[in-house]
Structure formats: C-alpha cells, structure tokens
C-alpha cells in the first residue's frame, strides 16, 4: 500500500495525503488500484486434511446464474437458459452459448460464439464423479468439428480430484475440493466449495491463453 500511495504523491511532484485530496486525478487512480478486483488473484494457501465427499449440485433451474470476475477485474456471469433430464444449455456474458450433458464437468456437445462454433459427440467412459472424493478419477471421450478446425477431431477429458486445499479469492478463504482435468489442447481446474455447493473459482488454459474466473455470487 505504501508504494501505491508513494506513486500517487510523486505523480504530482508534491507530498500530499491522498486521503485528504480525493479529487486529485492521481489519487482517484491510486484508490482505484487499491480497491480494484484486479488486486485479488486466486491464491492457494496450502493443502488441508481431506474434505468429506461432496455431493453433486442437483438439477439447476432455468435462470440460475453464476456471477464472477475475471483476471482483469471485469464482471460477468453464465446463466442456464434451457435444459431437460439429459442436458443443460448455458449462455455467458460475452454471448458464448453451449449445451452439455447433465453429468458433471462434461464437455459441450454444441457451442457457438465461444469464439468458435461447433458440435461434438460426447460420452462418459469410466470412473465416478459424485460424490467428489480425493483421488477419484473419471474420463470423457470427445469427437467433434468446429468452424476453426474443418476436419473431425478426437479428444478427451481426463479428470482427477487432487488433495483438498485452502484458497483465497475475492470472497475470502475457503476450504475446497480441487478438480483438475487435462484435454488435448489444455487444462481446466475447478475449486469447489462444499459450503457453497458449487465451484467458487475456475481456470482454463489453452493455446488462446488463460481464463480465470472467481465467483462473486449466485442468483437462483
């Protein structure tokens, strides 16, 4: 905090108190940096004793929303827009839409504006998802085609429940299950809170870069 306030002072070449002169442009920037969500980054504080197995979230109703901020501090949300006993469809703030099987952590069977669009045949191959238990493993098989890859491609999603950890996000500290999945073109990690009943943080790595989302609240 000292270094930020010191920068604020140097920016006007005078020694003054930012708190007393909030109208100064440099101080407004200073306070923005101090309290911007971009200063809150997902942090793992260490492993903890294994958490009790975590049950699945059940069937979410249409209209359910998961609100988050990304690594740049930009807010967003994804909303369930349709669904039946076998699949659920979601839409994200940026217009990305996808449908996936109800079974947990499934790849999408159809997607658009994500930024690619395409469809895939998705099948669960082995393992048990719920209840989440440290050491559990499960896999999906994927065969799809998108507008970015003109040919049919094959992939998979191989997931493992890693040791339970304590993490810090914009919501504070939480004891969570950590689920890590490997795919042909990257990885996905969910940090799932038994108390909240869903993921409170998500990270995806791919050739396009890294996506980080930290939950702010849920709307039922």
C-alpha atoms as a PDB file:
ATOM      1  CA  UNK A   1       0.000   0.000   0.000  1.00  0.00           C
ATOM      2  CA  UNK A   2       2.868   2.364   0.814  1.00  0.00           C
ATOM      3  CA  UNK A   3       4.332   2.027  -2.677  1.00  0.00           C
ATOM      4  CA  UNK A   4       0.979   2.835  -4.299  1.00  0.00           C
ATOM      5  CA  UNK A   5       0.423   5.925  -2.161  1.00  0.00           C
ATOM      6  CA  UNK A   6       4.023   6.983  -2.763  1.00  0.00           C
ATOM      7  CA  UNK A   7       3.439   6.750  -6.524  1.00  0.00           C
ATOM      8  CA  UNK A   8       0.347   8.869  -6.105  1.00  0.00           C
ATOM      9  CA  UNK A   9       2.392  11.558  -4.373  1.00  0.00           C
ATOM     10  CA  UNK A  10       5.178  11.553  -6.927  1.00  0.00           C
ATOM     11  CA  UNK A  11       2.729  11.869  -9.777  1.00  0.00           C
ATOM     12  CA  UNK A  12       2.014  15.482  -8.770  1.00  0.00           C
ATOM     13  CA  UNK A  13       5.573  16.141  -7.593  1.00  0.00           C
ATOM     14  CA  UNK A  14       4.319  17.223  -4.196  1.00  0.00           C
ATOM     15  CA  UNK A  15       3.962  15.464  -0.874  1.00  0.00           C
ATOM     16  CA  UNK A  16       0.300  15.368  -0.021  1.00  0.00           C
ATOM     17  CA  UNK A  17      -2.118  12.953   1.576  1.00  0.00           C
ATOM     18  CA  UNK A  18      -4.275  11.096  -0.963  1.00  0.00           C
ATOM     19  CA  UNK A  19      -6.972  10.505   1.598  1.00  0.00           C
ATOM     20  CA  UNK A  20      -7.366  14.249   2.169  1.00  0.00           C
ATOM     21  CA  UNK A  21      -7.391  15.188  -1.524  1.00  0.00           C
ATOM     22  CA  UNK A  22      -9.602  12.564  -3.182  1.00  0.00           C
ATOM     23  CA  UNK A  23     -10.458  14.851  -6.111  1.00  0.00           C
ATOM     24  CA  UNK A  24      -6.904  14.809  -7.470  1.00  0.00           C
ATOM     25  CA  UNK A  25      -6.770  12.643 -10.643  1.00  0.00           C
ATOM     26  CA  UNK A  26      -3.709  10.755  -9.476  1.00  0.00           C
ATOM     27  CA  UNK A  27      -5.375   9.928  -6.167  1.00  0.00           C
ATOM     28  CA  UNK A  28      -8.520   8.683  -7.886  1.00  0.00           C
ATOM     29  CA  UNK A  29      -6.304   6.338  -9.886  1.00  0.00           C
ATOM     30  CA  UNK A  30      -4.443   5.437  -6.724  1.00  0.00           C
ATOM     31  CA  UNK A  31      -7.636   4.453  -4.893  1.00  0.00           C
ATOM     32  CA  UNK A  32      -8.867   2.549  -7.955  1.00  0.00           C
ATOM     33  CA  UNK A  33      -5.710   0.444  -7.917  1.00  0.00           C
ATOM     34  CA  UNK A  34      -6.027  -0.078  -4.178  1.00  0.00           C
ATOM     35  CA  UNK A  35      -9.565  -1.428  -4.328  1.00  0.00           C
ATOM     36  CA  UNK A  36      -9.793  -2.816  -7.845  1.00  0.00           C
ATOM     37  CA  UNK A  37     -10.677  -6.524  -8.081  1.00  0.00           C
ATOM     38  CA  UNK A  38      -7.561  -6.984 -10.214  1.00  0.00           C
ATOM     39  CA  UNK A  39      -5.536  -6.971  -6.987  1.00  0.00           C
ATOM     40  CA  UNK A  40      -7.467 -10.045  -5.849  1.00  0.00           C
ATOM     41  CA  UNK A  41      -5.921 -13.066  -7.534  1.00  0.00           C
ATOM     42  CA  UNK A  42      -6.702 -16.681  -6.840  1.00  0.00           C
ATOM     43  CA  UNK A  43      -4.173 -17.967  -4.323  1.00  0.00           C
ATOM     44  CA  UNK A  44      -3.734 -21.468  -2.927  1.00  0.00           C
ATOM     45  CA  UNK A  45      -2.756 -21.287   0.735  1.00  0.00           C
ATOM     46  CA  UNK A  46      -1.833 -24.951   1.097  1.00  0.00           C
ATOM     47  CA  UNK A  47      -3.176 -28.473   1.386  1.00  0.00           C
ATOM     48  CA  UNK A  48      -5.570 -29.382   4.183  1.00  0.00           C
ATOM     49  CA  UNK A  49      -6.965 -32.611   5.579  1.00  0.00           C
ATOM     50  CA  UNK A  50      -9.208 -34.333   3.006  1.00  0.00           C
ATOM     51  CA  UNK A  51     -12.689 -32.838   2.948  1.00  0.00           C
ATOM     52  CA  UNK A  52     -15.717 -35.052   3.244  1.00  0.00           C
ATOM     53  CA  UNK A  53     -17.021 -36.293  -0.123  1.00  0.00           C
ATOM     54  CA  UNK A  54     -19.037 -33.601  -1.894  1.00  0.00           C
ATOM     55  CA  UNK A  55     -22.421 -34.417  -3.404  1.00  0.00           C
ATOM     56  CA  UNK A  56     -23.479 -33.108  -6.786  1.00  0.00           C
ATOM     57  CA  UNK A  57     -25.338 -29.808  -7.153  1.00  0.00           C
ATOM     58  CA  UNK A  58     -28.562 -31.406  -8.336  1.00  0.00           C
ATOM     59  CA  UNK A  59     -30.564 -30.077 -11.278  1.00  0.00           C
ATOM     60  CA  UNK A  60     -30.370 -26.306 -11.546  1.00  0.00           C
ATOM     61  CA  UNK A  61     -33.439 -24.383 -12.631  1.00  0.00           C
ATOM     62  CA  UNK A  62     -33.565 -22.289 -15.789  1.00  0.00           C
ATOM     63  CA  UNK A  63     -32.464 -18.779 -14.822  1.00  0.00           C
ATOM     64  CA  UNK A  64     -29.734 -19.954 -12.433  1.00  0.00           C
ATOM     65  CA  UNK A  65     -26.729 -17.609 -12.737  1.00  0.00           C
ATOM     66  CA  UNK A  66     -23.092 -17.890 -11.652  1.00  0.00           C
ATOM     67  CA  UNK A  67     -21.562 -14.420 -11.356  1.00  0.00           C
ATOM     68  CA  UNK A  68     -17.802 -13.888 -11.442  1.00  0.00           C
ATOM     69  CA  UNK A  69     -14.937 -11.502 -12.078  1.00  0.00           C
ATOM     70  CA  UNK A  70     -12.135 -12.416 -14.448  1.00  0.00           C
ATOM     71  CA  UNK A  71      -8.398 -11.904 -14.111  1.00  0.00           C
ATOM     72  CA  UNK A  72      -8.773  -8.314 -15.342  1.00  0.00           C
ATOM     73  CA  UNK A  73     -11.426  -7.491 -12.757  1.00  0.00           C
ATOM     74  CA  UNK A  74     -14.201  -7.485 -15.378  1.00  0.00           C
ATOM     75  CA  UNK A  75     -17.573  -8.801 -14.126  1.00  0.00           C
ATOM     76  CA  UNK A  76     -19.557 -11.444 -15.952  1.00  0.00           C
ATOM     77  CA  UNK A  77     -21.938 -14.330 -15.463  1.00  0.00           C
ATOM     78  CA  UNK A  78     -23.185 -17.517 -17.049  1.00  0.00           C
ATOM     79  CA  UNK A  79     -26.869 -18.423 -16.983  1.00  0.00           C
ATOM     80  CA  UNK A  80     -28.763 -21.651 -17.509  1.00  0.00           C
ATOM     81  CA  UNK A  81     -31.157 -20.881 -20.364  1.00  0.00           C
ATOM     82  CA  UNK A  82     -32.651 -24.314 -21.104  1.00  0.00           C
ATOM     83  CA  UNK A  83     -32.464 -27.922 -20.031  1.00  0.00           C
ATOM     84  CA  UNK A  84     -34.104 -31.302 -19.611  1.00  0.00           C
ATOM     85  CA  UNK A  85     -33.310 -34.585 -17.865  1.00  0.00           C
ATOM     86  CA  UNK A  86     -30.288 -35.225 -20.098  1.00  0.00           C
ATOM     87  CA  UNK A  87     -28.669 -31.887 -20.945  1.00  0.00           C
ATOM     88  CA  UNK A  88     -28.424 -28.234 -19.976  1.00  0.00           C
ATOM     89  CA  UNK A  89     -27.762 -25.100 -22.036  1.00  0.00           C
ATOM     90  CA  UNK A  90     -25.903 -22.032 -20.806  1.00  0.00           C
ATOM     91  CA  UNK A  91     -25.122 -18.552 -22.072  1.00  0.00           C
ATOM     92  CA  UNK A  92     -22.248 -16.335 -20.964  1.00  0.00           C
ATOM     93  CA  UNK A  93     -21.986 -12.561 -20.780  1.00  0.00           C
ATOM     94  CA  UNK A  94     -19.910 -12.348 -23.953  1.00  0.00           C
ATOM     95  CA  UNK A  95     -22.538 -14.226 -25.991  1.00  0.00           C
ATOM     96  CA  UNK A  96     -20.906 -17.657 -25.861  1.00  0.00           C
ATOM     97  CA  UNK A  97     -23.589 -20.382 -25.755  1.00  0.00           C
ATOM     98  CA  UNK A  98     -23.167 -24.103 -25.168  1.00  0.00           C
ATOM     99  CA  UNK A  99     -25.063 -27.277 -24.313  1.00  0.00           C
ATOM    100  CA  UNK A 100     -23.615 -30.160 -22.350  1.00  0.00           C
ATOM    101  CA  UNK A 101     -24.787 -33.391 -20.678  1.00  0.00           C
ATOM    102  CA  UNK A 102     -26.185 -33.008 -17.155  1.00  0.00           C
ATOM    103  CA  UNK A 103     -23.476 -35.307 -15.790  1.00  0.00           C
ATOM    104  CA  UNK A 104     -20.860 -33.180 -14.048  1.00  0.00           C
ATOM    105  CA  UNK A 105     -17.943 -31.437 -15.795  1.00  0.00           C
ATOM    106  CA  UNK A 106     -18.990 -32.676 -19.224  1.00  0.00           C
ATOM    107  CA  UNK A 107     -17.591 -31.208 -22.438  1.00  0.00           C
ATOM    108  CA  UNK A 108     -20.024 -29.296 -24.638  1.00  0.00           C
ATOM    109  CA  UNK A 109     -21.972 -31.155 -27.320  1.00  0.00           C
ATOM    110  CA  UNK A 110     -22.739 -27.944 -29.209  1.00  0.00           C
ATOM    111  CA  UNK A 111     -21.376 -24.416 -28.856  1.00  0.00           C
ATOM    112  CA  UNK A 112     -21.446 -21.070 -30.669  1.00  0.00           C
ATOM    113  CA  UNK A 113     -19.568 -17.760 -30.447  1.00  0.00           C
ATOM    114  CA  UNK A 114     -17.114 -19.175 -27.868  1.00  0.00           C
ATOM    115  CA  UNK A 115     -15.386 -17.717 -30.021  1.00  0.00           C
ATOM    116  CA  UNK A 116     -15.547 -20.819 -32.229  1.00  0.00           C
ATOM    117  CA  UNK A 117     -18.743 -22.685 -33.072  1.00  0.00           C
ATOM    118  CA  UNK A 118     -19.155 -26.421 -33.455  1.00  0.00           C
ATOM    119  CA  UNK A 119     -20.599 -29.674 -32.207  1.00  0.00           C
ATOM    120  CA  UNK A 120     -19.293 -32.903 -30.737  1.00  0.00           C
ATOM    121  CA  UNK A 121     -20.290 -36.408 -29.751  1.00  0.00           C
ATOM    122  CA  UNK A 122     -19.529 -36.728 -26.032  1.00  0.00           C
ATOM    123  CA  UNK A 123     -19.555 -39.918 -23.990  1.00  0.00           C
ATOM    124  CA  UNK A 124     -18.622 -40.738 -20.399  1.00  0.00           C
ATOM    125  CA  UNK A 125     -16.100 -43.572 -20.389  1.00  0.00           C
ATOM    126  CA  UNK A 126     -15.100 -44.520 -16.845  1.00  0.00           C
ATOM    127  CA  UNK A 127     -14.931 -43.519 -13.185  1.00  0.00           C
ATOM    128  CA  UNK A 128     -17.295 -41.939 -10.680  1.00  0.00           C
ATOM    129  CA  UNK A 129     -17.860 -38.196 -10.373  1.00  0.00           C
ATOM    130  CA  UNK A 130     -20.202 -37.798  -7.425  1.00  0.00           C
ATOM    131  CA  UNK A 131     -19.591 -37.669  -4.602  1.00  0.00           C
ATOM    132  CA  UNK A 132     -16.252 -35.938  -5.208  1.00  0.00           C
ATOM    133  CA  UNK A 133     -13.557 -37.793  -3.274  1.00  0.00           C
ATOM    134  CA  UNK A 134      -9.831 -37.117  -3.125  1.00  0.00           C
ATOM    135  CA  UNK A 135      -8.075 -39.384  -5.602  1.00  0.00           C
ATOM    136  CA  UNK A 136     -11.154 -40.103  -7.722  1.00  0.00           C
ATOM    137  CA  UNK A 137     -10.644 -40.161 -11.483  1.00  0.00           C
ATOM    138  CA  UNK A 138     -13.017 -40.073 -14.442  1.00  0.00           C
ATOM    139  CA  UNK A 139     -12.808 -39.513 -18.184  1.00  0.00           C
ATOM    140  CA  UNK A 140     -14.852 -38.292 -21.146  1.00  0.00           C
ATOM    141  CA  UNK A 141     -14.418 -39.108 -24.847  1.00  0.00           C
ATOM    142  CA  UNK A 142     -14.980 -36.341 -27.415  1.00  0.00           C
ATOM    143  CA  UNK A 143     -15.255 -36.351 -31.216  1.00  0.00           C
ATOM    144  CA  UNK A 144     -16.164 -33.055 -32.795  1.00  0.00           C
ATOM    145  CA  UNK A 145     -15.861 -30.473 -35.534  1.00  0.00           C
ATOM    146  CA  UNK A 146     -15.722 -26.671 -35.363  1.00  0.00           C
ATOM    147  CA  UNK A 147     -15.544 -23.762 -37.778  1.00  0.00           C
ATOM    148  CA  UNK A 148     -11.902 -23.258 -36.763  1.00  0.00           C
ATOM    149  CA  UNK A 149     -10.910 -26.868 -37.464  1.00  0.00           C
ATOM    150  CA  UNK A 150     -12.544 -28.020 -40.671  1.00  0.00           C
ATOM    151  CA  UNK A 151     -11.920 -31.699 -40.073  1.00  0.00           C
ATOM    152  CA  UNK A 152     -13.300 -34.085 -37.472  1.00  0.00           C
ATOM    153  CA  UNK A 153     -11.046 -34.244 -34.436  1.00  0.00           C
ATOM    154  CA  UNK A 154     -10.847 -36.527 -31.434  1.00  0.00           C
ATOM    155  CA  UNK A 155     -10.031 -35.579 -27.869  1.00  0.00           C
ATOM    156  CA  UNK A 156     -10.826 -36.472 -24.296  1.00  0.00           C
ATOM    157  CA  UNK A 157     -11.126 -35.044 -20.834  1.00  0.00           C
ATOM    158  CA  UNK A 158      -9.268 -36.873 -18.059  1.00  0.00           C
ATOM    159  CA  UNK A 159     -10.051 -35.582 -14.554  1.00  0.00           C
ATOM    160  CA  UNK A 160      -8.596 -36.177 -11.103  1.00  0.00           C
ATOM    161  CA  UNK A 161      -9.713 -34.909  -7.696  1.00  0.00           C
ATOM    162  CA  UNK A 162      -6.492 -33.569  -6.189  1.00  0.00           C
ATOM    163  CA  UNK A 163      -5.811 -33.114  -2.444  1.00  0.00           C
ATOM    164  CA  UNK A 164      -8.138 -30.675  -0.692  1.00  0.00           C
ATOM    165  CA  UNK A 165      -6.775 -27.144  -0.395  1.00  0.00           C
ATOM    166  CA  UNK A 166      -7.492 -23.817   1.231  1.00  0.00           C
ATOM    167  CA  UNK A 167      -7.712 -20.959  -1.252  1.00  0.00           C
ATOM    168  CA  UNK A 168      -8.172 -17.208  -1.178  1.00  0.00           C
ATOM    169  CA  UNK A 169     -10.394 -15.431  -3.687  1.00  0.00           C
ATOM    170  CA  UNK A 170     -12.342 -12.184  -3.705  1.00  0.00           C
ATOM    171  CA  UNK A 171     -14.786 -13.891  -1.317  1.00  0.00           C
ATOM    172  CA  UNK A 172     -12.105 -14.656   1.264  1.00  0.00           C
ATOM    173  CA  UNK A 173     -10.686 -18.008   2.337  1.00  0.00           C
ATOM    174  CA  UNK A 174     -12.391 -21.314   1.587  1.00  0.00           C
ATOM    175  CA  UNK A 175     -11.636 -24.999   2.047  1.00  0.00           C
ATOM    176  CA  UNK A 176     -12.322 -26.661  -1.286  1.00  0.00           C
ATOM    177  CA  UNK A 177     -12.108 -29.739  -3.446  1.00  0.00           C
ATOM    178  CA  UNK A 178      -9.711 -29.241  -6.360  1.00  0.00           C
ATOM    179  CA  UNK A 179     -10.657 -30.928  -9.611  1.00  0.00           C
ATOM    180  CA  UNK A 180      -8.073 -30.860 -12.395  1.00  0.00           C
ATOM    181  CA  UNK A 181      -8.826 -32.028 -15.939  1.00  0.00           C
ATOM    182  CA  UNK A 182      -6.478 -32.498 -18.898  1.00  0.00           C
ATOM    183  CA  UNK A 183      -7.574 -32.187 -22.519  1.00  0.00           C
ATOM    184  CA  UNK A 184      -5.899 -32.348 -25.904  1.00  0.00           C
ATOM    185  CA  UNK A 185      -5.427 -28.583 -26.089  1.00  0.00           C
ATOM    186  CA  UNK A 186      -5.150 -27.532 -22.464  1.00  0.00           C
ATOM    187  CA  UNK A 187      -6.373 -27.972 -18.897  1.00  0.00           C
ATOM    188  CA  UNK A 188      -9.333 -26.992 -16.740  1.00  0.00           C
ATOM    189  CA  UNK A 189      -9.389 -26.662 -12.955  1.00  0.00           C
ATOM    190  CA  UNK A 190     -12.362 -26.171 -10.683  1.00  0.00           C
ATOM    191  CA  UNK A 191     -12.154 -25.266  -6.979  1.00  0.00           C
ATOM    192  CA  UNK A 192     -15.414 -26.489  -5.448  1.00  0.00           C
ATOM    193  CA  UNK A 193     -16.758 -25.397  -2.091  1.00  0.00           C
ATOM    194  CA  UNK A 194     -18.954 -27.849  -0.148  1.00  0.00           C
ATOM    195  CA  UNK A 195     -20.396 -24.895   1.781  1.00  0.00           C
ATOM    196  CA  UNK A 196     -21.438 -23.029  -1.358  1.00  0.00           C
ATOM    197  CA  UNK A 197     -22.372 -26.172  -3.276  1.00  0.00           C
ATOM    198  CA  UNK A 198     -20.562 -25.222  -6.486  1.00  0.00           C
ATOM    199  CA  UNK A 199     -17.240 -24.010  -7.864  1.00  0.00           C
ATOM    200  CA  UNK A 200     -16.014 -20.711  -6.459  1.00  0.00           C
ATOM    201  CA  UNK A 201     -13.119 -20.451  -8.907  1.00  0.00           C
ATOM    202  CA  UNK A 202     -12.292 -21.768 -12.357  1.00  0.00           C
ATOM    203  CA  UNK A 203      -9.165 -21.718 -14.512  1.00  0.00           C
ATOM    204  CA  UNK A 204      -8.760 -22.807 -18.103  1.00  0.00           C
ATOM    205  CA  UNK A 205      -5.522 -22.935 -20.064  1.00  0.00           C
ATOM    206  CA  UNK A 206      -5.349 -23.356 -23.828  1.00  0.00           C
ATOM    207  CA  UNK A 207      -3.478 -22.129 -26.859  1.00  0.00           C
ATOM    208  CA  UNK A 208      -5.520 -18.926 -26.623  1.00  0.00           C
ATOM    209  CA  UNK A 209      -4.181 -18.190 -23.130  1.00  0.00           C
ATOM    210  CA  UNK A 210      -5.522 -18.434 -19.583  1.00  0.00           C
ATOM    211  CA  UNK A 211      -9.078 -17.836 -18.383  1.00  0.00           C
ATOM    212  CA  UNK A 212      -9.546 -17.188 -14.662  1.00  0.00           C
ATOM    213  CA  UNK A 213     -12.963 -16.661 -13.073  1.00  0.00           C
ATOM    214  CA  UNK A 214     -13.683 -16.099  -9.380  1.00  0.00           C
ATOM    215  CA  UNK A 215     -17.269 -16.327  -8.176  1.00  0.00           C
ATOM    216  CA  UNK A 216     -18.858 -13.246  -6.640  1.00  0.00           C
ATOM    217  CA  UNK A 217     -22.392 -14.567  -6.058  1.00  0.00           C
ATOM    218  CA  UNK A 218     -25.092 -16.908  -7.331  1.00  0.00           C
ATOM    219  CA  UNK A 219     -28.582 -15.966  -8.479  1.00  0.00           C
ATOM    220  CA  UNK A 220     -31.171 -18.734  -8.230  1.00  0.00           C
END
